[in-house]
PDB file of all heavy atoms in Angstrom:
ATOM      1  N   ASN A   1      -7.018  -2.072   0.922  1.00  0.00           N
ATOM      2  CA  ASN A   1      -7.302  -0.750   0.375  1.00  0.00           C
ATOM      3  C   ASN A   1      -6.580  -0.593  -0.976  1.00  0.00           C
ATOM      4  O   ASN A   1      -5.423  -1.015  -1.097  1.00  0.00           O
ATOM      5  CB  ASN A   1      -6.773   0.342   1.328  1.00  0.00           C
ATOM      6  CG  ASN A   1      -7.604   0.379   2.631  1.00  0.00           C
ATOM      7  OD1 ASN A   1      -8.826   0.592   2.605  1.00  0.00           O
ATOM      8  ND2 ASN A   1      -6.984   0.232   3.756  1.00  0.00           N
ATOM      9  N   GLU A   2      -7.288  -0.016  -1.906  1.00  0.00           N
ATOM     10  CA  GLU A   2      -6.699   0.151  -3.222  1.00  0.00           C
ATOM     11  C   GLU A   2      -6.436   1.615  -3.515  1.00  0.00           C
ATOM     12  O   GLU A   2      -7.269   2.507  -3.178  1.00  0.00           O
ATOM     13  CB  GLU A   2      -7.673  -0.398  -4.317  1.00  0.00           C
ATOM     14  CG  GLU A   2      -7.099  -0.385  -5.719  1.00  0.00           C
ATOM     15  CD  GLU A   2      -7.956  -1.163  -6.712  1.00  0.00           C
ATOM     16  OE1 GLU A   2      -8.040  -2.422  -6.613  1.00  0.00           O
ATOM     17  OE2 GLU A   2      -8.589  -0.472  -7.571  1.00  0.00           O
ATOM     18  N   HIS A   3      -5.265   1.903  -4.083  1.00  0.00           N
ATOM     19  CA  HIS A   3      -4.819   3.309  -4.373  1.00  0.00           C
ATOM     20  C   HIS A   3      -4.348   3.367  -5.847  1.00  0.00           C
ATOM     21  O   HIS A   3      -3.979   2.358  -6.433  1.00  0.00           O
ATOM     22  CB  HIS A   3      -3.681   3.667  -3.417  1.00  0.00           C
ATOM     23  CG  HIS A   3      -3.979   3.485  -1.959  1.00  0.00           C
ATOM     24  ND1 HIS A   3      -4.569   4.452  -1.188  1.00  0.00           N
ATOM     25  CD2 HIS A   3      -3.759   2.436  -1.164  1.00  0.00           C
ATOM     26  CE1 HIS A   3      -4.727   4.011   0.024  1.00  0.00           C
ATOM     27  NE2 HIS A   3      -4.220   2.792   0.110  1.00  0.00           N
ATOM     28  N   GLN A   4      -4.392   4.551  -6.342  1.00  0.00           N
ATOM     29  CA  GLN A   4      -3.884   4.808  -7.680  1.00  0.00           C
ATOM     30  C   GLN A   4      -2.520   5.569  -7.518  1.00  0.00           C
ATOM     31  O   GLN A   4      -2.449   6.563  -6.822  1.00  0.00           O
ATOM     32  CB  GLN A   4      -4.866   5.663  -8.485  1.00  0.00           C
ATOM     33  CG  GLN A   4      -6.152   4.950  -8.904  1.00  0.00           C
ATOM     34  CD  GLN A   4      -5.944   3.888  -9.946  1.00  0.00           C
ATOM     35  OE1 GLN A   4      -4.937   3.965 -10.667  1.00  0.00           O
ATOM     36  NE2 GLN A   4      -6.781   2.920  -9.962  1.00  0.00           N
ATOM     37  N   PHE A   5      -1.524   5.037  -8.190  1.00  0.00           N
ATOM     38  CA  PHE A   5      -0.225   5.659  -8.143  1.00  0.00           C
ATOM     39  C   PHE A   5       0.196   6.019  -9.560  1.00  0.00           C
ATOM     40  O   PHE A   5       0.189   5.194 -10.449  1.00  0.00           O
ATOM     41  CB  PHE A   5       0.821   4.713  -7.587  1.00  0.00           C
ATOM     42  CG  PHE A   5       2.228   5.214  -7.658  1.00  0.00           C
ATOM     43  CD1 PHE A   5       2.728   6.174  -6.819  1.00  0.00           C
ATOM     44  CD2 PHE A   5       3.109   4.676  -8.637  1.00  0.00           C
ATOM     45  CE1 PHE A   5       4.009   6.641  -6.980  1.00  0.00           C
ATOM     46  CE2 PHE A   5       4.401   5.115  -8.760  1.00  0.00           C
ATOM     47  CZ  PHE A   5       4.890   6.127  -7.946  1.00  0.00           C
ATOM     48  N   HIS A   6       0.495   7.328  -9.811  1.00  0.00           N
ATOM     49  CA  HIS A   6       0.890   7.705 -11.175  1.00  0.00           C
ATOM     50  C   HIS A   6       2.428   7.564 -11.296  1.00  0.00           C
ATOM     51  O   HIS A   6       3.200   8.118 -10.571  1.00  0.00           O
ATOM     52  CB  HIS A   6       0.542   9.174 -11.377  1.00  0.00           C
ATOM     53  CG  HIS A   6       0.871   9.648 -12.752  1.00  0.00           C
ATOM     54  ND1 HIS A   6       0.162   9.258 -13.868  1.00  0.00           N
ATOM     55  CD2 HIS A   6       1.921  10.408 -13.210  1.00  0.00           C
ATOM     56  CE1 HIS A   6       0.731   9.807 -14.979  1.00  0.00           C
ATOM     57  NE2 HIS A   6       1.779  10.526 -14.587  1.00  0.00           N
ATOM     58  N   SER A   7       2.769   6.725 -12.259  1.00  0.00           N
ATOM     59  CA  SER A   7       4.172   6.430 -12.526  1.00  0.00           C
ATOM     60  C   SER A   7       4.711   7.395 -13.609  1.00  0.00           C
ATOM     61  O   SER A   7       4.147   7.445 -14.746  1.00  0.00           O
ATOM     62  CB  SER A   7       4.365   4.968 -12.975  1.00  0.00           C
ATOM     63  OG  SER A   7       5.680   4.828 -13.453  1.00  0.00           O
ATOM     64  N   VAL A   8       5.642   8.212 -13.245  1.00  0.00           N
ATOM     65  CA  VAL A   8       6.252   9.150 -14.256  1.00  0.00           C
ATOM     66  C   VAL A   8       6.935   8.390 -15.314  1.00  0.00           C
ATOM     67  O   VAL A   8       6.895   8.720 -16.501  1.00  0.00           O
ATOM     68  CB  VAL A   8       7.161  10.123 -13.496  1.00  0.00           C
ATOM     69  CG1 VAL A   8       7.832  11.031 -14.511  1.00  0.00           C
ATOM     70  CG2 VAL A   8       6.399  10.918 -12.442  1.00  0.00           C
ATOM     71  N   ASN A   9       7.726   7.344 -14.921  1.00  0.00           N
ATOM     72  CA  ASN A   9       8.468   6.565 -15.901  1.00  0.00           C
ATOM     73  C   ASN A   9       7.572   5.823 -16.890  1.00  0.00           C
ATOM     74  O   ASN A   9       7.835   5.787 -18.082  1.00  0.00           O
ATOM     75  CB  ASN A   9       9.382   5.546 -15.193  1.00  0.00           C
ATOM     76  CG  ASN A   9      10.469   6.207 -14.392  1.00  0.00           C
ATOM     77  OD1 ASN A   9      10.859   7.338 -14.726  1.00  0.00           O
ATOM     78  ND2 ASN A   9      10.893   5.586 -13.295  1.00  0.00           N
ATOM     79  N   LEU A  10       6.467   5.240 -16.381  1.00  0.00           N
ATOM     80  CA  LEU A  10       5.560   4.512 -17.277  1.00  0.00           C
ATOM     81  C   LEU A  10       4.527   5.387 -17.934  1.00  0.00           C
ATOM     82  O   LEU A  10       3.799   4.997 -18.846  1.00  0.00           O
ATOM     83  CB  LEU A  10       4.836   3.389 -16.468  1.00  0.00           C
ATOM     84  CG  LEU A  10       5.714   2.324 -15.888  1.00  0.00           C
ATOM     85  CD1 LEU A  10       4.877   1.317 -15.061  1.00  0.00           C
ATOM     86  CD2 LEU A  10       6.480   1.558 -16.989  1.00  0.00           C
ATOM     87  N   GLU A  11       4.394   6.625 -17.425  1.00  0.00           N
ATOM     88  CA  GLU A  11       3.417   7.599 -17.935  1.00  0.00           C
ATOM     89  C   GLU A  11       1.999   7.025 -17.857  1.00  0.00           C
ATOM     90  O   GLU A  11       1.208   7.164 -18.809  1.00  0.00           O
ATOM     91  CB  GLU A  11       3.789   8.018 -19.345  1.00  0.00           C
ATOM     92  CG  GLU A  11       5.143   8.714 -19.484  1.00  0.00           C
ATOM     93  CD  GLU A  11       5.435   9.101 -20.937  1.00  0.00           C
ATOM     94  OE1 GLU A  11       4.728   8.669 -21.838  1.00  0.00           O
ATOM     95  OE2 GLU A  11       6.391   9.907 -21.089  1.00  0.00           O
ATOM     96  N   LYS A  12       1.657   6.425 -16.735  1.00  0.00           N
ATOM     97  CA  LYS A  12       0.360   5.851 -16.578  1.00  0.00           C
ATOM     98  C   LYS A  12       0.091   5.597 -15.094  1.00  0.00           C
ATOM     99  O   LYS A  12       1.011   5.619 -14.287  1.00  0.00           O
ATOM    100  CB  LYS A  12       0.183   4.561 -17.347  1.00  0.00           C
ATOM    101  CG  LYS A  12       1.141   3.507 -16.874  1.00  0.00           C
ATOM    102  CD  LYS A  12       1.156   2.255 -17.797  1.00  0.00           C
ATOM    103  CE  LYS A  12      -0.143   1.518 -17.907  1.00  0.00           C
ATOM    104  NZ  LYS A  12      -0.014   0.234 -18.645  1.00  0.00           N
ATOM    105  N   ASP A  13      -1.168   5.457 -14.757  1.00  0.00           N
ATOM    106  CA  ASP A  13      -1.545   5.101 -13.361  1.00  0.00           C
ATOM    107  C   ASP A  13      -1.450   3.597 -13.173  1.00  0.00           C
ATOM    108  O   ASP A  13      -1.727   2.813 -14.047  1.00  0.00           O
ATOM    109  CB  ASP A  13      -2.962   5.535 -13.039  1.00  0.00           C
ATOM    110  CG  ASP A  13      -3.097   7.043 -12.986  1.00  0.00           C
ATOM    111  OD1 ASP A  13      -2.087   7.745 -12.776  1.00  0.00           O
ATOM    112  OD2 ASP A  13      -4.238   7.550 -13.198  1.00  0.00           O
ATOM    113  N   ARG A  14      -1.009   3.251 -11.964  1.00  0.00           N
ATOM    114  CA  ARG A  14      -0.920   1.831 -11.567  1.00  0.00           C
ATOM    115  C   ARG A  14      -1.736   1.623 -10.265  1.00  0.00           C
ATOM    116  O   ARG A  14      -1.824   2.512  -9.426  1.00  0.00           O
ATOM    117  CB  ARG A  14       0.569   1.442 -11.339  1.00  0.00           C
ATOM    118  CG  ARG A  14       1.433   1.601 -12.535  1.00  0.00           C
ATOM    119  CD  ARG A  14       1.016   0.623 -13.675  1.00  0.00           C
ATOM    120  NE  ARG A  14       1.166  -0.776 -13.262  1.00  0.00           N
ATOM    121  CZ  ARG A  14       2.285  -1.486 -13.498  1.00  0.00           C
ATOM    122  NH1 ARG A  14       3.384  -0.865 -14.057  1.00  0.00           N
ATOM    123  NH2 ARG A  14       2.362  -2.753 -13.118  1.00  0.00           N
ATOM    124  N   ARG A  15      -2.308   0.437 -10.181  1.00  0.00           N
ATOM    125  CA  ARG A  15      -3.065   0.079  -8.958  1.00  0.00           C
ATOM    126  C   ARG A  15      -2.045  -0.427  -7.941  1.00  0.00           C
ATOM    127  O   ARG A  15      -1.214  -1.199  -8.207  1.00  0.00           O
ATOM    128  CB  ARG A  15      -4.074  -0.996  -9.240  1.00  0.00           C
ATOM    129  CG  ARG A  15      -5.254  -0.585 -10.138  1.00  0.00           C
ATOM    130  CD  ARG A  15      -6.220  -1.742 -10.220  1.00  0.00           C
ATOM    131  NE  ARG A  15      -7.329  -1.415 -11.154  1.00  0.00           N
ATOM    132  CZ  ARG A  15      -8.338  -2.235 -11.363  1.00  0.00           C
ATOM    133  NH1 ARG A  15      -8.398  -3.410 -10.734  1.00  0.00           N
ATOM    134  NH2 ARG A  15      -9.267  -1.896 -12.245  1.00  0.00           N
ATOM    135  N   ILE A  16      -2.255   0.073  -6.727  1.00  0.00           N
ATOM    136  CA  ILE A  16      -1.529  -0.479  -5.558  1.00  0.00           C
ATOM    137  C   ILE A  16      -2.516  -0.937  -4.520  1.00  0.00           C
ATOM    138  O   ILE A  16      -3.391  -0.153  -4.123  1.00  0.00           O
ATOM    139  CB  ILE A  16      -0.569   0.585  -4.999  1.00  0.00           C
ATOM    140  CG1 ILE A  16       0.540   0.931  -6.027  1.00  0.00           C
ATOM    141  CG2 ILE A  16       0.103   0.047  -3.709  1.00  0.00           C
ATOM    142  CD1 ILE A  16       1.510   1.959  -5.514  1.00  0.00           C
ATOM    143  N   ARG A  17      -2.419  -2.161  -4.072  1.00  0.00           N
ATOM    144  CA  ARG A  17      -3.284  -2.668  -3.056  1.00  0.00           C
ATOM    145  C   ARG A  17      -2.546  -2.993  -1.807  1.00  0.00           C
ATOM    146  O   ARG A  17      -1.519  -3.675  -1.868  1.00  0.00           O
ATOM    147  CB  ARG A  17      -4.054  -3.943  -3.616  1.00  0.00           C
ATOM    148  CG  ARG A  17      -5.053  -3.580  -4.691  1.00  0.00           C
ATOM    149  CD  ARG A  17      -5.553  -4.808  -5.408  1.00  0.00           C
ATOM    150  NE  ARG A  17      -4.511  -5.409  -6.308  1.00  0.00           N
ATOM    151  CZ  ARG A  17      -4.186  -5.018  -7.457  1.00  0.00           C
ATOM    152  NH1 ARG A  17      -4.788  -3.947  -7.983  1.00  0.00           N
ATOM    153  NH2 ARG A  17      -3.278  -5.592  -8.141  1.00  0.00           N
ATOM    154  N   ILE A  18      -3.018  -2.452  -0.694  1.00  0.00           N
ATOM    155  CA  ILE A  18      -2.349  -2.617   0.578  1.00  0.00           C
ATOM    156  C   ILE A  18      -3.277  -3.381   1.543  1.00  0.00           C
ATOM    157  O   ILE A  18      -4.440  -2.967   1.772  1.00  0.00           O
ATOM    158  CB  ILE A  18      -1.975  -1.273   1.183  1.00  0.00           C
ATOM    159  CG1 ILE A  18      -1.012  -0.496   0.249  1.00  0.00           C
ATOM    160  CG2 ILE A  18      -1.332  -1.449   2.559  1.00  0.00           C
ATOM    161  CD1 ILE A  18      -0.673   0.914   0.721  1.00  0.00           C
ATOM    162  N   TYR A  19      -2.793  -4.520   2.079  1.00  0.00           N
ATOM    163  CA  TYR A  19      -3.552  -5.305   3.024  1.00  0.00           C
ATOM    164  C   TYR A  19      -3.062  -5.007   4.414  1.00  0.00           C
ATOM    165  O   TYR A  19      -1.850  -5.071   4.632  1.00  0.00           O
ATOM    166  CB  TYR A  19      -3.422  -6.797   2.680  1.00  0.00           C
ATOM    167  CG  TYR A  19      -3.993  -7.705   3.776  1.00  0.00           C
ATOM    168  CD1 TYR A  19      -5.360  -7.976   3.817  1.00  0.00           C
ATOM    169  CD2 TYR A  19      -3.203  -8.171   4.814  1.00  0.00           C
ATOM    170  CE1 TYR A  19      -5.920  -8.785   4.786  1.00  0.00           C
ATOM    171  CE2 TYR A  19      -3.747  -8.966   5.824  1.00  0.00           C
ATOM    172  CZ  TYR A  19      -5.109  -9.240   5.796  1.00  0.00           C
ATOM    173  OH  TYR A  19      -5.644 -10.058   6.789  1.00  0.00           O
ATOM    174  N   THR A  20      -3.983  -4.628   5.285  1.00  0.00           N
ATOM    175  CA  THR A  20      -3.612  -4.412   6.678  1.00  0.00           C
ATOM    176  C   THR A  20      -4.366  -5.468   7.529  1.00  0.00           C
ATOM    177  O   THR A  20      -5.546  -5.725   7.264  1.00  0.00           O
ATOM    178  CB  THR A  20      -3.965  -2.994   7.152  1.00  0.00           C
ATOM    179  OG1 THR A  20      -5.373  -2.721   6.848  1.00  0.00           O
ATOM    180  CG2 THR A  20      -3.104  -1.977   6.432  1.00  0.00           C
ATOM    181  N   PRO A  21      -3.703  -6.025   8.514  1.00  0.00           N
ATOM    182  CA  PRO A  21      -4.301  -7.108   9.301  1.00  0.00           C
ATOM    183  C   PRO A  21      -5.405  -6.634  10.227  1.00  0.00           C
ATOM    184  O   PRO A  21      -5.622  -5.434  10.414  1.00  0.00           O
ATOM    185  CB  PRO A  21      -3.119  -7.649  10.146  1.00  0.00           C
ATOM    186  CG  PRO A  21      -2.187  -6.487  10.233  1.00  0.00           C
ATOM    187  CD  PRO A  21      -2.294  -5.710   8.965  1.00  0.00           C
ATOM    188  N   HIS A  22      -6.164  -7.570  10.730  1.00  0.00           N
ATOM    189  CA  HIS A  22      -7.283  -7.280  11.657  1.00  0.00           C
ATOM    190  C   HIS A  22      -6.738  -6.469  12.819  1.00  0.00           C
ATOM    191  O   HIS A  22      -5.739  -6.837  13.462  1.00  0.00           O
ATOM    192  CB  HIS A  22      -7.916  -8.582  12.115  1.00  0.00           C
ATOM    193  CG  HIS A  22      -9.032  -8.371  13.117  1.00  0.00           C
ATOM    194  ND1 HIS A  22     -10.264  -7.882  12.761  1.00  0.00           N
ATOM    195  CD2 HIS A  22      -9.028  -8.616  14.451  1.00  0.00           C
ATOM    196  CE1 HIS A  22     -10.993  -7.816  13.835  1.00  0.00           C
ATOM    197  NE2 HIS A  22     -10.293  -8.226  14.842  1.00  0.00           N
ATOM    198  N   GLY A  23      -7.437  -5.414  13.162  1.00  0.00           N
ATOM    199  CA  GLY A  23      -7.020  -4.614  14.303  1.00  0.00           C
ATOM    200  C   GLY A  23      -5.928  -3.638  14.020  1.00  0.00           C
ATOM    201  O   GLY A  23      -5.420  -3.005  14.960  1.00  0.00           O
ATOM    202  N   TYR A  24      -5.551  -3.480  12.790  1.00  0.00           N
ATOM    203  CA  TYR A  24      -4.395  -2.589  12.444  1.00  0.00           C
ATOM    204  C   TYR A  24      -4.777  -1.088  12.821  1.00  0.00           C
ATOM    205  O   TYR A  24      -5.908  -0.684  12.493  1.00  0.00           O
ATOM    206  CB  TYR A  24      -4.099  -2.677  10.954  1.00  0.00           C
ATOM    207  CG  TYR A  24      -3.135  -1.636  10.492  1.00  0.00           C
ATOM    208  CD1 TYR A  24      -1.779  -1.782  10.609  1.00  0.00           C
ATOM    209  CD2 TYR A  24      -3.603  -0.473   9.841  1.00  0.00           C
ATOM    210  CE1 TYR A  24      -0.908  -0.784  10.183  1.00  0.00           C
ATOM    211  CE2 TYR A  24      -2.752   0.540   9.394  1.00  0.00           C
ATOM    212  CZ  TYR A  24      -1.390   0.324   9.580  1.00  0.00           C
ATOM    213  OH  TYR A  24      -0.500   1.296   9.155  1.00  0.00           O
ATOM    214  N   LYS A  25      -3.862  -0.401  13.346  1.00  0.00           N
ATOM    215  CA  LYS A  25      -4.071   1.022  13.663  1.00  0.00           C
ATOM    216  C   LYS A  25      -2.786   1.787  13.337  1.00  0.00           C
ATOM    217  O   LYS A  25      -1.683   1.314  13.621  1.00  0.00           O
ATOM    218  CB  LYS A  25      -4.382   1.237  15.121  1.00  0.00           C
ATOM    219  CG  LYS A  25      -5.736   0.628  15.538  1.00  0.00           C
ATOM    220  CD  LYS A  25      -6.009   0.902  17.010  1.00  0.00           C
ATOM    221  CE  LYS A  25      -7.369   0.364  17.453  1.00  0.00           C
ATOM    222  NZ  LYS A  25      -7.601   0.640  18.885  1.00  0.00           N
ATOM    223  N   LYS A  26      -2.964   2.899  12.658  1.00  0.00           N
ATOM    224  CA  LYS A  26      -1.771   3.770  12.433  1.00  0.00           C
ATOM    225  C   LYS A  26      -1.200   4.244  13.738  1.00  0.00           C
ATOM    226  O   LYS A  26      -1.951   4.526  14.669  1.00  0.00           O
ATOM    227  CB  LYS A  26      -2.159   4.987  11.562  1.00  0.00           C
ATOM    228  CG  LYS A  26      -2.382   4.686  10.113  1.00  0.00           C
ATOM    229  CD  LYS A  26      -2.613   5.934   9.305  1.00  0.00           C
ATOM    230  CE  LYS A  26      -2.711   5.672   7.843  1.00  0.00           C
ATOM    231  NZ  LYS A  26      -2.895   6.914   7.064  1.00  0.00           N
ATOM    232  N   GLY A  27       0.069   4.332  13.779  1.00  0.00           N
ATOM    233  CA  GLY A  27       0.694   4.862  15.021  1.00  0.00           C
ATOM    234  C   GLY A  27       0.850   3.777  16.070  1.00  0.00           C
ATOM    235  O   GLY A  27       1.371   4.070  17.172  1.00  0.00           O
ATOM    236  N   ASN A  28       0.389   2.589  15.774  1.00  0.00           N
ATOM    237  CA  ASN A  28       0.543   1.496  16.740  1.00  0.00           C
ATOM    238  C   ASN A  28       1.921   0.924  16.594  1.00  0.00           C
ATOM    239  O   ASN A  28       2.788   1.506  15.984  1.00  0.00           O
ATOM    240  CB  ASN A  28      -0.562   0.441  16.467  1.00  0.00           C
ATOM    241  CG  ASN A  28      -0.819  -0.437  17.690  1.00  0.00           C
ATOM    242  OD1 ASN A  28      -0.076  -0.359  18.627  1.00  0.00           O
ATOM    243  ND2 ASN A  28      -1.930  -1.147  17.610  1.00  0.00           N
ATOM    244  N   ARG A  29       2.158  -0.228  17.184  1.00  0.00           N
ATOM    245  CA  ARG A  29       3.454  -0.864  17.139  1.00  0.00           C
ATOM    246  C   ARG A  29       3.863  -1.106  15.677  1.00  0.00           C
ATOM    247  O   ARG A  29       3.028  -1.186  14.784  1.00  0.00           O
ATOM    248  CB  ARG A  29       3.442  -2.174  17.886  1.00  0.00           C
ATOM    249  CG  ARG A  29       2.436  -3.163  17.270  1.00  0.00           C
ATOM    250  CD  ARG A  29       2.424  -4.439  18.043  1.00  0.00           C
ATOM    251  NE  ARG A  29       1.363  -5.351  17.552  1.00  0.00           N
ATOM    252  CZ  ARG A  29       1.454  -6.129  16.461  1.00  0.00           C
ATOM    253  NH1 ARG A  29       2.572  -6.033  15.747  1.00  0.00           N
ATOM    254  NH2 ARG A  29       0.476  -6.902  16.120  1.00  0.00           N
ATOM    255  N   PRO A  30       5.165  -1.232  15.368  1.00  0.00           N
ATOM    256  CA  PRO A  30       5.599  -1.503  13.990  1.00  0.00           C
ATOM    257  C   PRO A  30       5.093  -2.877  13.520  1.00  0.00           C
ATOM    258  O   PRO A  30       4.978  -3.830  14.279  1.00  0.00           O
ATOM    259  CB  PRO A  30       7.129  -1.547  14.106  1.00  0.00           C
ATOM    260  CG  PRO A  30       7.443  -0.788  15.359  1.00  0.00           C
ATOM    261  CD  PRO A  30       6.292  -1.043  16.289  1.00  0.00           C
ATOM    262  N   TYR A  31       4.754  -2.895  12.211  1.00  0.00           N
ATOM    263  CA  TYR A  31       4.275  -4.171  11.595  1.00  0.00           C
ATOM    264  C   TYR A  31       5.312  -4.618  10.566  1.00  0.00           C
ATOM    265  O   TYR A  31       5.903  -3.827   9.870  1.00  0.00           O
ATOM    266  CB  TYR A  31       2.941  -3.900  10.889  1.00  0.00           C
ATOM    267  CG  TYR A  31       1.768  -3.712  11.823  1.00  0.00           C
ATOM    268  CD1 TYR A  31       1.501  -2.452  12.355  1.00  0.00           C
ATOM    269  CD2 TYR A  31       0.925  -4.764  12.171  1.00  0.00           C
ATOM    270  CE1 TYR A  31       0.389  -2.263  13.210  1.00  0.00           C
ATOM    271  CE2 TYR A  31      -0.202  -4.560  12.968  1.00  0.00           C
ATOM    272  CZ  TYR A  31      -0.414  -3.316  13.505  1.00  0.00           C
ATOM    273  OH  TYR A  31      -1.476  -3.142  14.365  1.00  0.00           O
ATOM    274  N   LYS A  32       5.442  -5.943  10.472  1.00  0.00           N
ATOM    275  CA  LYS A  32       6.230  -6.495   9.418  1.00  0.00           C
ATOM    276  C   LYS A  32       5.466  -6.332   8.102  1.00  0.00           C
ATOM    277  O   LYS A  32       4.252  -6.246   8.109  1.00  0.00           O
ATOM    278  CB  LYS A  32       6.509  -7.929   9.656  1.00  0.00           C
ATOM    279  CG  LYS A  32       7.371  -8.236  10.943  1.00  0.00           C
ATOM    280  CD  LYS A  32       7.611  -9.654  11.150  1.00  0.00           C
ATOM    281  CE  LYS A  32       8.488  -9.944  12.355  1.00  0.00           C
ATOM    282  NZ  LYS A  32       8.723 -11.394  12.618  1.00  0.00           N
ATOM    283  N   TYR A  33       6.174  -6.287   6.975  1.00  0.00           N
ATOM    284  CA  TYR A  33       5.454  -6.132   5.728  1.00  0.00           C
ATOM    285  C   TYR A  33       6.111  -6.997   4.604  1.00  0.00           C
ATOM    286  O   TYR A  33       7.293  -7.348   4.694  1.00  0.00           O
ATOM    287  CB  TYR A  33       5.429  -4.664   5.283  1.00  0.00           C
ATOM    288  CG  TYR A  33       6.784  -4.050   4.903  1.00  0.00           C
ATOM    289  CD1 TYR A  33       7.161  -4.060   3.524  1.00  0.00           C
ATOM    290  CD2 TYR A  33       7.651  -3.571   5.853  1.00  0.00           C
ATOM    291  CE1 TYR A  33       8.363  -3.479   3.194  1.00  0.00           C
ATOM    292  CE2 TYR A  33       8.862  -3.030   5.473  1.00  0.00           C
ATOM    293  CZ  TYR A  33       9.218  -2.989   4.171  1.00  0.00           C
ATOM    294  OH  TYR A  33      10.423  -2.485   3.789  1.00  0.00           O
ATOM    295  N   LEU A  34       5.324  -7.278   3.604  1.00  0.00           N
ATOM    296  CA  LEU A  34       5.736  -8.069   2.454  1.00  0.00           C
ATOM    297  C   LEU A  34       5.321  -7.302   1.195  1.00  0.00           C
ATOM    298  O   LEU A  34       4.168  -6.907   1.043  1.00  0.00           O
ATOM    299  CB  LEU A  34       5.102  -9.429   2.524  1.00  0.00           C
ATOM    300  CG  LEU A  34       5.295 -10.339   1.292  1.00  0.00           C
ATOM    301  CD1 LEU A  34       6.754 -10.776   1.215  1.00  0.00           C
ATOM    302  CD2 LEU A  34       4.390 -11.581   1.381  1.00  0.00           C
ATOM    303  N   VAL A  35       6.230  -7.154   0.275  1.00  0.00           N
ATOM    304  CA  VAL A  35       5.919  -6.464  -0.994  1.00  0.00           C
ATOM    305  C   VAL A  35       5.874  -7.500  -2.101  1.00  0.00           C
ATOM    306  O   VAL A  35       6.818  -8.280  -2.264  1.00  0.00           O
ATOM    307  CB  VAL A  35       7.016  -5.414  -1.306  1.00  0.00           C
ATOM    308  CG1 VAL A  35       6.677  -4.762  -2.653  1.00  0.00           C
ATOM    309  CG2 VAL A  35       7.067  -4.392  -0.210  1.00  0.00           C
ATOM    310  N   LEU A  36       4.743  -7.471  -2.843  1.00  0.00           N
ATOM    311  CA  LEU A  36       4.602  -8.379  -3.983  1.00  0.00           C
ATOM    312  C   LEU A  36       4.484  -7.554  -5.281  1.00  0.00           C
ATOM    313  O   LEU A  36       3.676  -6.652  -5.332  1.00  0.00           O
ATOM    314  CB  LEU A  36       3.321  -9.257  -3.826  1.00  0.00           C
ATOM    315  CG  LEU A  36       3.327 -10.132  -2.539  1.00  0.00           C
ATOM    316  CD1 LEU A  36       1.932 -10.850  -2.451  1.00  0.00           C
ATOM    317  CD2 LEU A  36       4.442 -11.118  -2.539  1.00  0.00           C
TER     318      LEU A  36
END
């Protein structure tokens, strides 16, 4: 999923892409995560 995040410091929008694994559900068990 791709999102737009407005950075106040950079004064511009930045793309943020979040990958969720197969079968992911909000409110389910905790997931490990990696930030790149």
